[in-house]
Structure formats: structure tokens, C-alpha cells
Amino acid sequence: MIYVILLPYLPKKKTQTTKNNNMEYKIKVDGMSCNHCTSSVEKNVGQLEGIKSVNADLASHIVTLEADQFDESTIEKTIHDLGYEYKGKA
């Protein structure tokens, strides 16, 4: 009975959101072949919630994110929707 009373006050299960307090996070993205590609990734990923800055490096195919929180599945979907291949953490 106490459980039923306290249920609304218990913390809710979080989704795949990661909180990093402005930590740097590096991911590998294949398929970027020109500066337009890197600009597109930077612009679109940079508009996602919690993302503070994005730098896509064409030579290494590494995208560096500065974020206080982010949803990795949203980043993966955004990159996929742009036509690039999300390869995970670098």
C-alpha cells in the first residue's frame, strides 16, 4: 500500500539520454566526402537538444560534440537521415 502512495513520487525511468555536463563526445561518421557534407552534419546535429557545439573533421570522419546531454539514438537518426553512416563512438 505504501508503494502505491509513493509511486507518483518515485523517479521515472529515463530514456537513452546521456548527461555529460558539457563533456566532449566523439563519434565516427562515414560517407562525408566534402566540406558541404561536414557543414550539413554540423548544422543538423548542432540543432539537437543539449548539443552545444559540433565539429566534423573530413579527413578522420570524426564528429566531435560538446554537449550537456544528448540522445544518442536521435543523433544516429539525424546522421542517417542526412545520408551518412553512424558508426558509433570513436
N, C-alpha and C. Protein backbone atom coordinates (compact mmCIF):
# COMPACT_ATOMS: atom_id res chain seq x y z
N MET A 1 0.82 -1.19 0.00
CA MET A 1 0.00 0.00 0.00
C MET A 1 0.87 1.26 0.00
N ILE A 2 1.94 1.24 0.76
CA ILE A 2 2.83 2.40 0.78
C ILE A 2 3.42 2.63 -0.60
N TYR A 3 3.72 1.55 -1.31
CA TYR A 3 4.26 1.66 -2.67
C TYR A 3 3.30 2.42 -3.57
N VAL A 4 2.02 2.13 -3.48
CA VAL A 4 1.02 2.79 -4.31
C VAL A 4 0.96 4.28 -3.98
N ILE A 5 1.09 4.62 -2.72
CA ILE A 5 1.05 6.02 -2.31
C ILE A 5 2.29 6.76 -2.81
N LEU A 6 3.45 6.11 -2.74
CA LEU A 6 4.71 6.76 -3.12
C LEU A 6 5.00 6.69 -4.61
N LEU A 7 4.29 5.88 -5.35
CA LEU A 7 4.56 5.68 -6.78
C LEU A 7 4.67 6.97 -7.58
N PRO A 8 3.77 7.94 -7.41
CA PRO A 8 3.91 9.17 -8.20
C PRO A 8 5.17 9.97 -7.88
N TYR A 9 5.77 9.73 -6.73
CA TYR A 9 6.94 10.50 -6.31
C TYR A 9 8.27 9.81 -6.63
N LEU A 10 8.20 8.58 -7.09
CA LEU A 10 9.42 7.86 -7.45
C LEU A 10 9.97 8.39 -8.77
N PRO A 11 11.30 8.38 -8.94
CA PRO A 11 11.87 8.86 -10.21
C PRO A 11 11.40 8.00 -11.37
N LYS A 12 11.13 8.65 -12.47
CA LYS A 12 10.69 7.95 -13.66
C LYS A 12 11.90 7.40 -14.41
N LYS A 13 11.69 6.30 -15.12
CA LYS A 13 12.76 5.69 -15.91
C LYS A 13 13.14 6.63 -17.05
N LYS A 14 14.42 6.86 -17.20
CA LYS A 14 14.91 7.75 -18.25
C LYS A 14 15.09 6.99 -19.55
N THR A 15 15.00 7.73 -20.67
CA THR A 15 15.27 7.13 -21.97
C THR A 15 16.78 7.08 -22.16
N GLN A 16 17.24 7.01 -23.38
CA GLN A 16 18.66 6.88 -23.65
C GLN A 16 19.38 8.23 -23.64
N THR A 17 18.90 9.15 -22.86
CA THR A 17 19.54 10.45 -22.77
C THR A 17 20.78 10.33 -21.89
N THR A 18 21.86 10.89 -22.33
CA THR A 18 23.10 10.87 -21.58
C THR A 18 23.40 12.29 -21.13
N LYS A 19 23.68 12.46 -19.83
CA LYS A 19 24.05 13.76 -19.32
C LYS A 19 25.56 13.76 -19.08
N ASN A 20 26.23 14.74 -19.61
CA ASN A 20 27.68 14.80 -19.52
C ASN A 20 28.20 16.10 -18.95
N ASN A 21 27.35 17.07 -18.64
CA ASN A 21 27.77 18.37 -18.14
C ASN A 21 28.85 18.99 -19.02
N ASN A 22 28.50 19.26 -20.27
CA ASN A 22 29.39 19.86 -21.26
C ASN A 22 30.65 19.04 -21.49
N MET A 23 30.47 17.77 -21.67
CA MET A 23 31.59 16.89 -21.96
C MET A 23 31.76 16.76 -23.47
N GLU A 24 32.95 16.38 -23.86
CA GLU A 24 33.25 16.16 -25.26
C GLU A 24 32.96 14.70 -25.60
N TYR A 25 32.34 14.49 -26.73
CA TYR A 25 31.93 13.16 -27.17
C TYR A 25 32.30 13.02 -28.63
N LYS A 26 33.00 11.96 -29.01
CA LYS A 26 33.44 11.78 -30.39
C LYS A 26 32.75 10.57 -31.00
N ILE A 27 32.25 10.78 -32.23
CA ILE A 27 31.61 9.70 -32.95
C ILE A 27 32.22 9.58 -34.35
N LYS A 28 32.13 8.41 -34.91
CA LYS A 28 32.64 8.14 -36.26
C LYS A 28 31.46 8.18 -37.22
N VAL A 29 31.62 8.96 -38.30
CA VAL A 29 30.57 9.09 -39.32
C VAL A 29 31.21 8.85 -40.68
N ASP A 30 30.78 7.80 -41.35
CA ASP A 30 31.29 7.50 -42.69
C ASP A 30 30.38 8.12 -43.75
N GLY A 31 30.96 8.42 -44.90
CA GLY A 31 30.21 8.93 -46.03
C GLY A 31 30.38 10.41 -46.29
N MET A 32 31.03 11.13 -45.38
CA MET A 32 31.29 12.56 -45.61
C MET A 32 32.46 12.66 -46.59
N SER A 33 32.24 13.35 -47.72
CA SER A 33 33.28 13.40 -48.75
C SER A 33 33.70 14.81 -49.15
N CYS A 34 33.05 15.83 -48.57
CA CYS A 34 33.39 17.20 -48.93
C CYS A 34 33.02 18.14 -47.78
N ASN A 35 33.40 19.41 -47.93
CA ASN A 35 33.10 20.38 -46.88
C ASN A 35 31.60 20.62 -46.71
N HIS A 36 30.85 20.46 -47.79
CA HIS A 36 29.40 20.59 -47.68
C HIS A 36 28.84 19.49 -46.76
N CYS A 37 29.40 18.31 -46.86
CA CYS A 37 28.97 17.19 -46.01
C CYS A 37 29.21 17.51 -44.53
N THR A 38 30.41 17.98 -44.21
CA THR A 38 30.71 18.29 -42.82
C THR A 38 29.84 19.43 -42.31
N SER A 39 29.61 20.43 -43.14
CA SER A 39 28.75 21.56 -42.75
C SER A 39 27.33 21.09 -42.48
N SER A 40 26.84 20.19 -43.29
CA SER A 40 25.49 19.66 -43.12
C SER A 40 25.36 18.90 -41.81
N VAL A 41 26.35 18.07 -41.50
CA VAL A 41 26.34 17.33 -40.24
C VAL A 41 26.41 18.31 -39.06
N GLU A 42 27.32 19.27 -39.14
CA GLU A 42 27.47 20.24 -38.05
C GLU A 42 26.17 21.02 -37.81
N LYS A 43 25.56 21.47 -38.88
CA LYS A 43 24.33 22.27 -38.77
C LYS A 43 23.19 21.45 -38.16
N ASN A 44 22.94 20.28 -38.71
CA ASN A 44 21.79 19.48 -38.28
C ASN A 44 21.96 18.86 -36.90
N VAL A 45 23.13 18.33 -36.60
CA VAL A 45 23.37 17.78 -35.27
C VAL A 45 23.41 18.91 -34.25
N GLY A 46 23.96 20.05 -34.63
CA GLY A 46 24.04 21.20 -33.73
C GLY A 46 22.70 21.75 -33.30
N GLN A 47 21.65 21.45 -34.04
CA GLN A 47 20.31 21.92 -33.70
C GLN A 47 19.59 21.00 -32.71
N LEU A 48 20.18 19.86 -32.40
CA LEU A 48 19.54 18.91 -31.49
C LEU A 48 19.64 19.40 -30.05
N GLU A 49 18.67 18.99 -29.25
CA GLU A 49 18.61 19.40 -27.86
C GLU A 49 19.84 18.95 -27.08
N GLY A 50 20.42 19.85 -26.32
CA GLY A 50 21.56 19.54 -25.46
C GLY A 50 22.91 19.69 -26.12
N ILE A 51 22.95 19.84 -27.42
CA ILE A 51 24.22 19.96 -28.15
C ILE A 51 24.68 21.41 -28.10
N LYS A 52 25.89 21.63 -27.62
CA LYS A 52 26.44 22.99 -27.52
C LYS A 52 27.29 23.35 -28.73
N SER A 53 28.08 22.40 -29.23
CA SER A 53 28.89 22.66 -30.42
C SER A 53 29.18 21.34 -31.13
N VAL A 54 29.45 21.46 -32.43
CA VAL A 54 29.74 20.29 -33.27
C VAL A 54 30.87 20.65 -34.20
N ASN A 55 31.85 19.75 -34.34
CA ASN A 55 32.93 19.93 -35.29
C ASN A 55 33.14 18.61 -36.03
N ALA A 56 32.87 18.63 -37.33
CA ALA A 56 33.06 17.43 -38.15
C ALA A 56 34.37 17.54 -38.90
N ASP A 57 35.24 16.54 -38.75
CA ASP A 57 36.54 16.53 -39.42
C ASP A 57 36.47 15.62 -40.63
N LEU A 58 36.66 16.20 -41.81
CA LEU A 58 36.53 15.47 -43.06
C LEU A 58 37.60 14.37 -43.20
N ALA A 59 38.83 14.66 -42.82
CA ALA A 59 39.92 13.71 -43.00
C ALA A 59 39.76 12.45 -42.15
N SER A 60 39.36 12.62 -40.90
CA SER A 60 39.27 11.48 -39.99
C SER A 60 37.86 10.90 -39.89
N HIS A 61 36.87 11.62 -40.41
CA HIS A 61 35.46 11.23 -40.31
C HIS A 61 35.00 11.16 -38.85
N ILE A 62 35.62 11.98 -38.02
CA ILE A 62 35.26 12.07 -36.61
C ILE A 62 34.45 13.34 -36.40
N VAL A 63 33.31 13.19 -35.72
CA VAL A 63 32.48 14.33 -35.35
C VAL A 63 32.61 14.50 -33.85
N THR A 64 33.07 15.67 -33.44
CA THR A 64 33.25 15.96 -32.03
C THR A 64 32.09 16.82 -31.56
N LEU A 65 31.42 16.35 -30.52
CA LEU A 65 30.27 17.05 -29.96
C LEU A 65 30.64 17.58 -28.58
N GLU A 66 30.18 18.77 -28.27
CA GLU A 66 30.22 19.27 -26.90
C GLU A 66 28.77 19.38 -26.49
N ALA A 67 28.42 18.68 -25.41
CA ALA A 67 27.02 18.63 -25.02
C ALA A 67 26.88 18.49 -23.52
N ASP A 68 25.78 19.03 -23.00
CA ASP A 68 25.48 18.77 -21.60
C ASP A 68 24.59 17.54 -21.47
N GLN A 69 23.85 17.24 -22.52
CA GLN A 69 23.08 16.00 -22.60
C GLN A 69 22.73 15.76 -24.06
N PHE A 70 22.48 14.52 -24.39
CA PHE A 70 22.07 14.21 -25.75
C PHE A 70 21.44 12.83 -25.77
N ASP A 71 20.69 12.58 -26.80
CA ASP A 71 20.07 11.28 -27.01
C ASP A 71 20.79 10.64 -28.20
N GLU A 72 21.58 9.63 -27.92
CA GLU A 72 22.40 9.02 -28.96
C GLU A 72 21.57 8.51 -30.13
N SER A 73 20.40 7.97 -29.86
CA SER A 73 19.57 7.45 -30.96
C SER A 73 19.08 8.58 -31.86
N THR A 74 18.86 9.76 -31.30
CA THR A 74 18.45 10.92 -32.10
C THR A 74 19.60 11.38 -32.99
N ILE A 75 20.80 11.37 -32.46
CA ILE A 75 21.98 11.74 -33.26
C ILE A 75 22.16 10.73 -34.39
N GLU A 76 22.05 9.45 -34.07
CA GLU A 76 22.19 8.41 -35.09
C GLU A 76 21.15 8.58 -36.20
N LYS A 77 19.90 8.84 -35.83
CA LYS A 77 18.83 9.02 -36.82
C LYS A 77 19.08 10.25 -37.67
N THR A 78 19.51 11.34 -37.06
CA THR A 78 19.79 12.58 -37.79
C THR A 78 20.88 12.35 -38.83
N ILE A 79 21.95 11.69 -38.44
CA ILE A 79 23.06 11.41 -39.35
C ILE A 79 22.60 10.48 -40.48
N HIS A 80 21.84 9.47 -40.13
CA HIS A 80 21.32 8.54 -41.14
C HIS A 80 20.40 9.27 -42.13
N ASP A 81 19.53 10.14 -41.61
CA ASP A 81 18.61 10.89 -42.47
C ASP A 81 19.34 11.82 -43.43
N LEU A 82 20.55 12.24 -43.06
CA LEU A 82 21.36 13.09 -43.94
C LEU A 82 22.06 12.27 -45.03
N GLY A 83 22.03 10.95 -44.89
CA GLY A 83 22.65 10.08 -45.89
C GLY A 83 24.02 9.58 -45.52
N TYR A 84 24.40 9.71 -44.25
CA TYR A 84 25.71 9.26 -43.79
C TYR A 84 25.53 8.06 -42.86
N GLU A 85 26.64 7.37 -42.60
CA GLU A 85 26.59 6.17 -41.78
C GLU A 85 27.17 6.44 -40.40
N TYR A 86 26.34 6.32 -39.39
CA TYR A 86 26.75 6.48 -38.00
C TYR A 86 27.45 5.20 -37.57
N LYS A 87 28.71 5.31 -37.13
CA LYS A 87 29.50 4.14 -36.77
C LYS A 87 29.69 3.99 -35.26
N GLY A 88 29.14 4.90 -34.46
CA GLY A 88 29.27 4.81 -33.01
C GLY A 88 30.41 5.65 -32.48
N LYS A 89 30.76 5.38 -31.24
CA LYS A 89 31.81 6.15 -30.58
C LYS A 89 33.15 5.95 -31.28
N ALA A 90 33.90 7.04 -31.35
CA ALA A 90 35.22 6.99 -32.00
C ALA A 90 36.30 6.72 -30.97
